[in-house]
Amino acid sequence: MPDTGSSRLTDREKRLLFFLRQIGWGDVKIKVENGQPVVVYQTITNHKLTEEEEPGQHGSGTTGKCNA
């Protein structure tokens, strides 16, 4: 990993973290160039089916699609 000499996040890194926090749960494929995130190629949202959830409820940050 390239050493930038700074611990500050770049704008791309900040946007990636914001995007990841919005997903909440799922899988992401990221293209990185020169140590920086460039593109998010795929976002797959998954839902855990737990006994605590009532029918029709979805966890936070989901798209409403259930993969069962």
C-alpha atoms as a PDB file:
ATOM      1  CA  MET A   1       0.000   0.000   0.000  1.00  0.00           C
ATOM      2  CA  PRO A   2       1.421   3.376  -0.937  1.00  0.00           C
ATOM      3  CA  ASP A   3       2.506   5.533   1.987  1.00  0.00           C
ATOM      4  CA  THR A   4       0.919   8.964   1.609  1.00  0.00           C
ATOM      5  CA  GLY A   5       2.655  10.317   4.707  1.00  0.00           C
ATOM      6  CA  SER A   6      -0.670  11.543   6.076  1.00  0.00           C
ATOM      7  CA  SER A   7      -3.426   9.974   8.149  1.00  0.00           C
ATOM      8  CA  ARG A   8      -6.140  12.214   6.645  1.00  0.00           C
ATOM      9  CA  LEU A   9      -8.807  10.596   4.520  1.00  0.00           C
ATOM     10  CA  THR A  10      -9.139  11.618   0.893  1.00  0.00           C
ATOM     11  CA  ASP A  11     -12.509  12.633  -0.549  1.00  0.00           C
ATOM     12  CA  ARG A  12     -12.781   9.238  -2.277  1.00  0.00           C
ATOM     13  CA  GLU A  13     -12.143   7.412   0.997  1.00  0.00           C
ATOM     14  CA  LYS A  14     -14.750   9.549   2.770  1.00  0.00           C
ATOM     15  CA  ARG A  15     -17.328   8.837   0.038  1.00  0.00           C
ATOM     16  CA  LEU A  16     -16.569   5.105   0.229  1.00  0.00           C
ATOM     17  CA  LEU A  17     -17.035   5.056   4.023  1.00  0.00           C
ATOM     18  CA  PHE A  18     -20.307   6.986   3.705  1.00  0.00           C
ATOM     19  CA  PHE A  19     -21.520   4.515   1.059  1.00  0.00           C
ATOM     20  CA  LEU A  20     -20.565   1.497   3.200  1.00  0.00           C
ATOM     21  CA  ARG A  21     -22.360   2.910   6.233  1.00  0.00           C
ATOM     22  CA  GLN A  22     -25.524   3.405   4.169  1.00  0.00           C
ATOM     23  CA  ILE A  23     -25.541  -0.253   3.097  1.00  0.00           C
ATOM     24  CA  GLY A  24     -25.635  -1.565   6.650  1.00  0.00           C
ATOM     25  CA  TRP A  25     -25.305  -5.200   5.559  1.00  0.00           C
ATOM     26  CA  GLY A  26     -24.135  -6.863   2.327  1.00  0.00           C
ATOM     27  CA  ASP A  27     -21.228  -7.539  -0.010  1.00  0.00           C
ATOM     28  CA  VAL A  28     -19.274  -4.948  -1.999  1.00  0.00           C
ATOM     29  CA  LYS A  29     -16.667  -5.242  -4.769  1.00  0.00           C
ATOM     30  CA  ILE A  30     -14.349  -2.216  -5.047  1.00  0.00           C
ATOM     31  CA  LYS A  31     -11.806  -1.251  -7.703  1.00  0.00           C
ATOM     32  CA  VAL A  32      -8.694   0.365  -6.222  1.00  0.00           C
ATOM     33  CA  GLU A  33      -6.037   2.306  -8.147  1.00  0.00           C
ATOM     34  CA  ASN A  34      -2.897   3.730  -6.536  1.00  0.00           C
ATOM     35  CA  GLY A  35      -4.252   2.892  -3.091  1.00  0.00           C
ATOM     36  CA  GLN A  36      -7.497   4.806  -3.623  1.00  0.00           C
ATOM     37  CA  PRO A  37     -11.041   3.471  -4.125  1.00  0.00           C
ATOM     38  CA  VAL A  38     -12.196   4.229  -7.669  1.00  0.00           C
ATOM     39  CA  VAL A  39     -15.407   2.288  -8.376  1.00  0.00           C
ATOM     40  CA  VAL A  40     -17.906   0.167  -6.456  1.00  0.00           C
ATOM     41  CA  TYR A  41     -18.774  -2.523  -9.010  1.00  0.00           C
ATOM     42  CA  GLN A  42     -21.364  -4.584  -7.174  1.00  0.00           C
ATOM     43  CA  THR A  43     -23.588  -4.157  -4.198  1.00  0.00           C
ATOM     44  CA  ILE A  44     -25.478  -7.186  -3.008  1.00  0.00           C
ATOM     45  CA  THR A  45     -27.895  -6.713  -0.139  1.00  0.00           C
ATOM     46  CA  ASN A  46     -28.471  -9.713   2.091  1.00  0.00           C
ATOM     47  CA  HIS A  47     -31.001 -10.205   4.841  1.00  0.00           C
ATOM     48  CA  LYS A  48     -30.447 -12.314   7.906  1.00  0.00           C
ATOM     49  CA  LEU A  49     -33.589 -14.177   8.832  1.00  0.00           C
ATOM     50  CA  THR A  50     -33.829 -14.179  12.605  1.00  0.00           C
ATOM     51  CA  GLU A  51     -36.592 -15.174  14.975  1.00  0.00           C
ATOM     52  CA  GLU A  52     -36.616 -11.683  16.521  1.00  0.00           C
ATOM     53  CA  GLU A  53     -37.907 -10.044  13.319  1.00  0.00           C
ATOM     54  CA  GLU A  54     -41.634  -9.811  12.716  1.00  0.00           C
ATOM     55  CA  PRO A  55     -42.917 -10.709   9.222  1.00  0.00           C
ATOM     56  CA  GLY A  56     -42.683  -7.673   6.956  1.00  0.00           C
ATOM     57  CA  GLN A  57     -39.893  -6.033   8.994  1.00  0.00           C
ATOM     58  CA  HIS A  58     -36.535  -5.357   7.404  1.00  0.00           C
ATOM     59  CA  GLY A  59     -33.238  -4.468   9.035  1.00  0.00           C
ATOM     60  CA  SER A  60     -31.770  -0.986   8.698  1.00  0.00           C
ATOM     61  CA  GLY A  61     -30.035  -0.034   5.481  1.00  0.00           C
ATOM     62  CA  THR A  62     -31.801  -2.584   3.295  1.00  0.00           C
ATOM     63  CA  THR A  63     -33.513  -2.320  -0.063  1.00  0.00           C
ATOM     64  CA  GLY A  64     -36.513  -4.449   0.884  1.00  0.00           C
ATOM     65  CA  LYS A  65     -35.424  -7.437  -1.188  1.00  0.00           C
ATOM     66  CA  CYS A  66     -35.210 -10.766   0.570  1.00  0.00           C
ATOM     67  CA  ASN A  67     -32.813 -13.444  -0.624  1.00  0.00           C
ATOM     68  CA  ALA A  68     -34.261 -16.641   0.777  1.00  0.00           C
END
